[in-house]
Amino acid sequence: MTHLAGGKVVAPLRRKSIEERIAERQAQRGALEGKGKHFEHGPAKFIFVFLIVFVVLGHLLGLILLMMLDIT
């Protein structure tokens, strides 16, 4: 709030920027505790792990197939 010379209280003319609003929200939220510091959402963690395993297994199977067929 802004005070004028006559003691009148007036709201600021501009709205806070999105960065300022996000910073205030994060400050009020506090720190994460315990497990799940990087993945707060269980299904997101499951999908992430599944995709990593899928890619690694796909590469290994592809290499094995190429070695069996002797294709270079």
PDB file of N, CA and C in Angstrom:
ATOM      1  N   MET A   1       0.830  -1.171   0.000  1.00  0.00           N
ATOM      2  CA  MET A   1       0.000   0.000   0.000  1.00  0.00           C
ATOM      3  C   MET A   1       0.883   1.245   0.000  1.00  0.00           C
ATOM      4  N   THR A   2       0.401   2.293  -0.599  1.00  0.00           N
ATOM      5  CA  THR A   2       1.137   3.548  -0.692  1.00  0.00           C
ATOM      6  C   THR A   2       0.388   4.621   0.086  1.00  0.00           C
ATOM      7  N   HIS A   3       1.136   5.416   0.849  1.00  0.00           N
ATOM      8  CA  HIS A   3       0.537   6.515   1.618  1.00  0.00           C
ATOM      9  C   HIS A   3       0.779   7.829   0.878  1.00  0.00           C
ATOM     10  N   LEU A   4      -0.256   8.643   0.754  1.00  0.00           N
ATOM     11  CA  LEU A   4      -0.128   9.964   0.155  1.00  0.00           C
ATOM     12  C   LEU A   4       0.114  10.989   1.253  1.00  0.00           C
ATOM     13  N   ALA A   5       0.402  12.226   0.853  1.00  0.00           N
ATOM     14  CA  ALA A   5       0.703  13.289   1.816  1.00  0.00           C
ATOM     15  C   ALA A   5      -0.458  13.540   2.781  1.00  0.00           C
ATOM     16  N   GLY A   6      -1.682  13.338   2.344  1.00  0.00           N
ATOM     17  CA  GLY A   6      -2.843  13.583   3.184  1.00  0.00           C
ATOM     18  C   GLY A   6      -3.155  12.431   4.134  1.00  0.00           C
ATOM     19  N   GLY A   7      -2.312  11.388   4.174  1.00  0.00           N
ATOM     20  CA  GLY A   7      -2.545  10.245   5.033  1.00  0.00           C
ATOM     21  C   GLY A   7      -3.480   9.206   4.427  1.00  0.00           C
ATOM     22  N   LYS A   8      -3.825   9.402   3.166  1.00  0.00           N
ATOM     23  CA  LYS A   8      -4.727   8.489   2.486  1.00  0.00           C
ATOM     24  C   LYS A   8      -3.941   7.267   1.994  1.00  0.00           C
ATOM     25  N   VAL A   9      -4.521   6.076   2.121  1.00  0.00           N
ATOM     26  CA  VAL A   9      -3.867   4.848   1.660  1.00  0.00           C
ATOM     27  C   VAL A   9      -4.418   4.497   0.289  1.00  0.00           C
ATOM     28  N   VAL A  10      -3.497   4.286  -0.674  1.00  0.00           N
ATOM     29  CA  VAL A  10      -3.883   3.985  -2.047  1.00  0.00           C
ATOM     30  C   VAL A  10      -3.161   2.714  -2.483  1.00  0.00           C
ATOM     31  N   ALA A  11      -3.838   1.854  -3.208  1.00  0.00           N
ATOM     32  CA  ALA A  11      -3.225   0.632  -3.731  1.00  0.00           C
ATOM     33  C   ALA A  11      -2.212   0.991  -4.813  1.00  0.00           C
ATOM     34  N   PRO A  12      -1.174   0.181  -4.956  1.00  0.00           N
ATOM     35  CA  PRO A  12      -0.197   0.444  -6.019  1.00  0.00           C
ATOM     36  C   PRO A  12      -0.854   0.355  -7.395  1.00  0.00           C
ATOM     37  N   LEU A  13      -0.299   1.085  -8.341  1.00  0.00           N
ATOM     38  CA  LEU A  13      -0.894   1.142  -9.673  1.00  0.00           C
ATOM     39  C   LEU A  13      -0.576  -0.091 -10.511  1.00  0.00           C
ATOM     40  N   ARG A  14       0.532  -0.731 -10.234  1.00  0.00           N
ATOM     41  CA  ARG A  14       0.907  -1.877 -11.068  1.00  0.00           C
ATOM     42  C   ARG A  14       0.718  -3.187 -10.314  1.00  0.00           C
ATOM     43  N   ARG A  15       0.487  -4.236 -11.084  1.00  0.00           N
ATOM     44  CA  ARG A  15       0.371  -5.576 -10.529  1.00  0.00           C
ATOM     45  C   ARG A  15       1.772  -6.175 -10.441  1.00  0.00           C
ATOM     46  N   LYS A  16       2.010  -7.040  -9.471  1.00  0.00           N
ATOM     47  CA  LYS A  16       3.328  -7.666  -9.334  1.00  0.00           C
ATOM     48  C   LYS A  16       3.603  -8.542 -10.552  1.00  0.00           C
ATOM     49  N   SER A  17       4.868  -8.622 -10.919  1.00  0.00           N
ATOM     50  CA  SER A  17       5.234  -9.454 -12.062  1.00  0.00           C
ATOM     51  C   SER A  17       5.068 -10.920 -11.685  1.00  0.00           C
ATOM     52  N   ILE A  18       5.011 -11.756 -12.687  1.00  0.00           N
ATOM     53  CA  ILE A  18       4.832 -13.190 -12.451  1.00  0.00           C
ATOM     54  C   ILE A  18       5.991 -13.755 -11.644  1.00  0.00           C
ATOM     55  N   GLU A  19       7.202 -13.242 -11.867  1.00  0.00           N
ATOM     56  CA  GLU A  19       8.364 -13.718 -11.119  1.00  0.00           C
ATOM     57  C   GLU A  19       8.224 -13.402  -9.632  1.00  0.00           C
ATOM     58  N   GLU A  20       7.727 -12.200  -9.329  1.00  0.00           N
ATOM     59  CA  GLU A  20       7.550 -11.821  -7.921  1.00  0.00           C
ATOM     60  C   GLU A  20       6.472 -12.681  -7.258  1.00  0.00           C
ATOM     61  N   ARG A  21       5.407 -12.953  -7.979  1.00  0.00           N
ATOM     62  CA  ARG A  21       4.332 -13.775  -7.408  1.00  0.00           C
ATOM     63  C   ARG A  21       4.784 -15.214  -7.187  1.00  0.00           C
ATOM     64  N   ILE A  22       5.554 -15.758  -8.131  1.00  0.00           N
ATOM     65  CA  ILE A  22       6.074 -17.122  -7.975  1.00  0.00           C
ATOM     66  C   ILE A  22       7.040 -17.184  -6.806  1.00  0.00           C
ATOM     67  N   ALA A  23       7.911 -16.185  -6.682  1.00  0.00           N
ATOM     68  CA  ALA A  23       8.874 -16.160  -5.582  1.00  0.00           C
ATOM     69  C   ALA A  23       8.168 -16.118  -4.226  1.00  0.00           C
ATOM     70  N   GLU A  24       7.105 -15.340  -4.116  1.00  0.00           N
ATOM     71  CA  GLU A  24       6.355 -15.278  -2.859  1.00  0.00           C
ATOM     72  C   GLU A  24       5.713 -16.623  -2.531  1.00  0.00           C
ATOM     73  N   ARG A  25       5.137 -17.264  -3.544  1.00  0.00           N
ATOM     74  CA  ARG A  25       4.498 -18.562  -3.330  1.00  0.00           C
ATOM     75  C   ARG A  25       5.510 -19.614  -2.890  1.00  0.00           C
ATOM     76  N   GLN A  26       6.688 -19.609  -3.524  1.00  0.00           N
ATOM     77  CA  GLN A  26       7.719 -20.582  -3.163  1.00  0.00           C
ATOM     78  C   GLN A  26       8.235 -20.329  -1.757  1.00  0.00           C
ATOM     79  N   ALA A  27       8.348 -19.070  -1.369  1.00  0.00           N
ATOM     80  CA  ALA A  27       8.813 -18.744  -0.022  1.00  0.00           C
ATOM     81  C   ALA A  27       7.809 -19.208   1.028  1.00  0.00           C
ATOM     82  N   GLN A  28       6.527 -19.120   0.739  1.00  0.00           N
ATOM     83  CA  GLN A  28       5.494 -19.557   1.683  1.00  0.00           C
ATOM     84  C   GLN A  28       5.405 -21.072   1.766  1.00  0.00           C
ATOM     85  N   ARG A  29       5.751 -21.757   0.677  1.00  0.00           N
ATOM     86  CA  ARG A  29       5.603 -23.210   0.610  1.00  0.00           C
ATOM     87  C   ARG A  29       6.576 -23.938   1.526  1.00  0.00           C
ATOM     88  N   GLY A  30       7.798 -23.456   1.653  1.00  0.00           N
ATOM     89  CA  GLY A  30       8.780 -24.114   2.496  1.00  0.00           C
ATOM     90  C   GLY A  30       9.515 -25.215   1.751  1.00  0.00           C
ATOM     91  N   ALA A  31      10.439 -25.850   2.452  1.00  0.00           N
ATOM     92  CA  ALA A  31      11.277 -26.880   1.838  1.00  0.00           C
ATOM     93  C   ALA A  31      10.560 -28.224   1.826  1.00  0.00           C
ATOM     94  N   LEU A  32      10.953 -29.068   0.864  1.00  0.00           N
ATOM     95  CA  LEU A  32      10.425 -30.423   0.805  1.00  0.00           C
ATOM     96  C   LEU A  32      11.112 -31.266   1.877  1.00  0.00           C
ATOM     97  N   GLU A  33      10.370 -32.198   2.426  1.00  0.00           N
ATOM     98  CA  GLU A  33      10.922 -33.031   3.486  1.00  0.00           C
ATOM     99  C   GLU A  33      10.935 -34.489   3.077  1.00  0.00           C
ATOM    100  N   GLY A  34      11.935 -35.211   3.561  1.00  0.00           N
ATOM    101  CA  GLY A  34      11.981 -36.659   3.399  1.00  0.00           C
ATOM    102  C   GLY A  34      12.163 -37.104   1.966  1.00  0.00           C
ATOM    103  N   LYS A  35      11.579 -38.266   1.675  1.00  0.00           N
ATOM    104  CA  LYS A  35      11.709 -38.856   0.342  1.00  0.00           C
ATOM    105  C   LYS A  35      10.924 -38.046  -0.690  1.00  0.00           C
ATOM    106  N   GLY A  36      11.241 -38.286  -1.947  1.00  0.00           N
ATOM    107  CA  GLY A  36      10.501 -37.649  -3.025  1.00  0.00           C
ATOM    108  C   GLY A  36      10.882 -36.196  -3.252  1.00  0.00           C
ATOM    109  N   LYS A  37      12.152 -35.858  -3.015  1.00  0.00           N
ATOM    110  CA  LYS A  37      12.563 -34.468  -3.195  1.00  0.00           C
ATOM    111  C   LYS A  37      12.541 -34.061  -4.662  1.00  0.00           C
ATOM    112  N   HIS A  38      12.764 -35.010  -5.547  1.00  0.00           N
ATOM    113  CA  HIS A  38      12.796 -34.685  -6.966  1.00  0.00           C
ATOM    114  C   HIS A  38      11.490 -35.040  -7.662  1.00  0.00           C
ATOM    115  N   PHE A  39      10.832 -36.106  -7.209  1.00  0.00           N
ATOM    116  CA  PHE A  39       9.571 -36.528  -7.802  1.00  0.00           C
ATOM    117  C   PHE A  39       8.508 -36.513  -6.714  1.00  0.00           C
ATOM    118  N   GLU A  40       7.699 -35.465  -6.695  1.00  0.00           N
ATOM    119  CA  GLU A  40       6.620 -35.392  -5.721  1.00  0.00           C
ATOM    120  C   GLU A  40       5.436 -36.244  -6.150  1.00  0.00           C
ATOM    121  N   HIS A  41       5.375 -36.571  -7.417  1.00  0.00           N
ATOM    122  CA  HIS A  41       4.214 -37.252  -7.970  1.00  0.00           C
ATOM    123  C   HIS A  41       4.590 -38.689  -8.306  1.00  0.00           C
ATOM    124  N   GLY A  42       3.939 -39.657  -7.694  1.00  0.00           N
ATOM    125  CA  GLY A  42       4.268 -41.067  -7.873  1.00  0.00           C
ATOM    126  C   GLY A  42       4.222 -41.547  -9.310  1.00  0.00           C
ATOM    127  N   PRO A  43       3.139 -41.287 -10.066  1.00  0.00           N
ATOM    128  CA  PRO A  43       3.086 -41.752 -11.451  1.00  0.00           C
ATOM    129  C   PRO A  43       4.193 -41.153 -12.333  1.00  0.00           C
ATOM    130  N   ALA A  44       4.598 -39.944 -12.061  1.00  0.00           N
ATOM    131  CA  ALA A  44       5.686 -39.339 -12.847  1.00  0.00           C
ATOM    132  C   ALA A  44       6.979 -40.102 -12.615  1.00  0.00           C
ATOM    133  N   LYS A  45       7.215 -40.509 -11.386  1.00  0.00           N
ATOM    134  CA  LYS A  45       8.418 -41.287 -11.064  1.00  0.00           C
ATOM    135  C   LYS A  45       8.365 -42.636 -11.780  1.00  0.00           C
ATOM    136  N   PHE A  46       7.207 -43.274 -11.760  1.00  0.00           N
ATOM    137  CA  PHE A  46       7.045 -44.568 -12.425  1.00  0.00           C
ATOM    138  C   PHE A  46       7.323 -44.453 -13.922  1.00  0.00           C
ATOM    139  N   ILE A  47       6.756 -43.453 -14.572  1.00  0.00           N
ATOM    140  CA  ILE A  47       6.951 -43.270 -16.014  1.00  0.00           C
ATOM    141  C   ILE A  47       8.413 -42.978 -16.328  1.00  0.00           C
ATOM    142  N   PHE A  48       9.063 -42.150 -15.521  1.00  0.00           N
ATOM    143  CA  PHE A  48      10.468 -41.812 -15.742  1.00  0.00           C
ATOM    144  C   PHE A  48      11.341 -43.063 -15.672  1.00  0.00           C
ATOM    145  N   VAL A  49      11.162 -43.867 -14.637  1.00  0.00           N
ATOM    146  CA  VAL A  49      11.964 -45.087 -14.474  1.00  0.00           C
ATOM    147  C   VAL A  49      11.662 -46.065 -15.607  1.00  0.00           C
ATOM    148  N   PHE A  50      10.394 -46.220 -15.964  1.00  0.00           N
ATOM    149  CA  PHE A  50      10.018 -47.127 -17.052  1.00  0.00           C
ATOM    150  C   PHE A  50      10.696 -46.721 -18.365  1.00  0.00           C
ATOM    151  N   LEU A  51      10.690 -45.435 -18.690  1.00  0.00           N
ATOM    152  CA  LEU A  51      11.304 -44.986 -19.944  1.00  0.00           C
ATOM    153  C   LEU A  51      12.811 -45.216 -19.956  1.00  0.00           C
ATOM    154  N   ILE A  52      13.479 -44.972 -18.835  1.00  0.00           N
ATOM    155  CA  ILE A  52      14.927 -45.201 -18.771  1.00  0.00           C
ATOM    156  C   ILE A  52      15.228 -46.682 -18.981  1.00  0.00           C
ATOM    157  N   VAL A  53      14.502 -47.553 -18.289  1.00  0.00           N
ATOM    158  CA  VAL A  53      14.718 -49.004 -18.428  1.00  0.00           C
ATOM    159  C   VAL A  53      14.415 -49.450 -19.851  1.00  0.00           C
ATOM    160  N   PHE A  54      13.342 -48.942 -20.432  1.00  0.00           N
ATOM    161  CA  PHE A  54      12.954 -49.309 -21.794  1.00  0.00           C
ATOM    162  C   PHE A  54      14.042 -48.934 -22.805  1.00  0.00           C
ATOM    163  N   VAL A  55      14.596 -47.751 -22.674  1.00  0.00           N
ATOM    164  CA  VAL A  55      15.635 -47.297 -23.606  1.00  0.00           C
ATOM    165  C   VAL A  55      16.904 -48.132 -23.452  1.00  0.00           C
ATOM    166  N   VAL A  56      17.307 -48.393 -22.209  1.00  0.00           N
ATOM    167  CA  VAL A  56      18.524 -49.181 -21.984  1.00  0.00           C
ATOM    168  C   VAL A  56      18.344 -50.599 -22.525  1.00  0.00           C
ATOM    169  N   LEU A  57      17.216 -51.240 -22.221  1.00  0.00           N
ATOM    170  CA  LEU A  57      16.984 -52.591 -22.730  1.00  0.00           C
ATOM    171  C   LEU A  57      16.898 -52.609 -24.261  1.00  0.00           C
ATOM    172  N   GLY A  58      16.286 -51.612 -24.847  1.00  0.00           N
ATOM    173  CA  GLY A  58      16.210 -51.533 -26.306  1.00  0.00           C
ATOM    174  C   GLY A  58      17.584 -51.443 -26.945  1.00  0.00           C
ATOM    175  N   HIS A  59      18.455 -50.650 -26.368  1.00  0.00           N
ATOM    176  CA  HIS A  59      19.809 -50.538 -26.898  1.00  0.00           C
ATOM    177  C   HIS A  59      20.569 -51.859 -26.751  1.00  0.00           C
ATOM    178  N   LEU A  60      20.445 -52.488 -25.590  1.00  0.00           N
ATOM    179  CA  LEU A  60      21.142 -53.759 -25.382  1.00  0.00           C
ATOM    180  C   LEU A  60      20.637 -54.829 -26.340  1.00  0.00           C
ATOM    181  N   LEU A  61      19.322 -54.939 -26.512  1.00  0.00           N
ATOM    182  CA  LEU A  61      18.773 -55.931 -27.431  1.00  0.00           C
ATOM    183  C   LEU A  61      19.197 -55.644 -28.879  1.00  0.00           C
ATOM    184  N   GLY A  62      19.235 -54.383 -29.243  1.00  0.00           N
ATOM    185  CA  GLY A  62      19.694 -54.020 -30.587  1.00  0.00           C
ATOM    186  C   GLY A  62      21.147 -54.388 -30.817  1.00  0.00           C
ATOM    187  N   LEU A  63      21.985 -54.159 -29.816  1.00  0.00           N
ATOM    188  CA  LEU A  63      23.398 -54.539 -29.945  1.00  0.00           C
ATOM    189  C   LEU A  63      23.570 -56.044 -30.039  1.00  0.00           C
ATOM    190  N   ILE A  64      22.827 -56.777 -29.225  1.00  0.00           N
ATOM    191  CA  ILE A  64      22.906 -58.239 -29.269  1.00  0.00           C
ATOM    192  C   ILE A  64      22.455 -58.752 -30.632  1.00  0.00           C
ATOM    193  N   LEU A  65      21.370 -58.202 -31.158  1.00  0.00           N
ATOM    194  CA  LEU A  65      20.877 -58.608 -32.472  1.00  0.00           C
ATOM    195  C   LEU A  65      21.904 -58.327 -33.560  1.00  0.00           C
ATOM    196  N   LEU A  66      22.521 -57.157 -33.513  1.00  0.00           N
ATOM    197  CA  LEU A  66      23.543 -56.830 -34.520  1.00  0.00           C
ATOM    198  C   LEU A  66      24.750 -57.743 -34.418  1.00  0.00           C
ATOM    199  N   MET A  67      25.139 -58.118 -33.199  1.00  0.00           N
ATOM    200  CA  MET A  67      26.280 -59.025 -33.031  1.00  0.00           C
ATOM    201  C   MET A  67      25.936 -60.421 -33.530  1.00  0.00           C
ATOM    202  N   MET A  68      24.703 -60.878 -33.314  1.00  0.00           N
ATOM    203  CA  MET A  68      24.293 -62.196 -33.771  1.00  0.00           C
ATOM    204  C   MET A  68      24.239 -62.260 -35.292  1.00  0.00           C
ATOM    205  N   LEU A  69      23.780 -61.200 -35.921  1.00  0.00           N
ATOM    206  CA  LEU A  69      23.669 -61.167 -37.387  1.00  0.00           C
ATOM    207  C   LEU A  69      24.983 -60.765 -38.046  1.00  0.00           C
ATOM    208  N   ASP A  70      25.928 -60.313 -37.237  1.00  0.00           N
ATOM    209  CA  ASP A  70      27.253 -59.870 -37.716  1.00  0.00           C
ATOM    210  C   ASP A  70      27.102 -58.745 -38.745  1.00  0.00           C
ATOM    211  N   ILE A  71      26.215 -57.810 -38.454  1.00  0.00           N
ATOM    212  CA  ILE A  71      26.014 -56.639 -39.312  1.00  0.00           C
ATOM    213  C   ILE A  71      26.752 -55.471 -38.673  1.00  0.00           C
ATOM    214  N   THR A  72      27.549 -54.800 -39.479  1.00  0.00           N
ATOM    215  CA  THR A  72      28.279 -53.647 -38.942  1.00  0.00           C
ATOM    216  C   THR A  72      27.954 -52.396 -39.693  1.00  0.00           C
TER     217      THR A  72
END
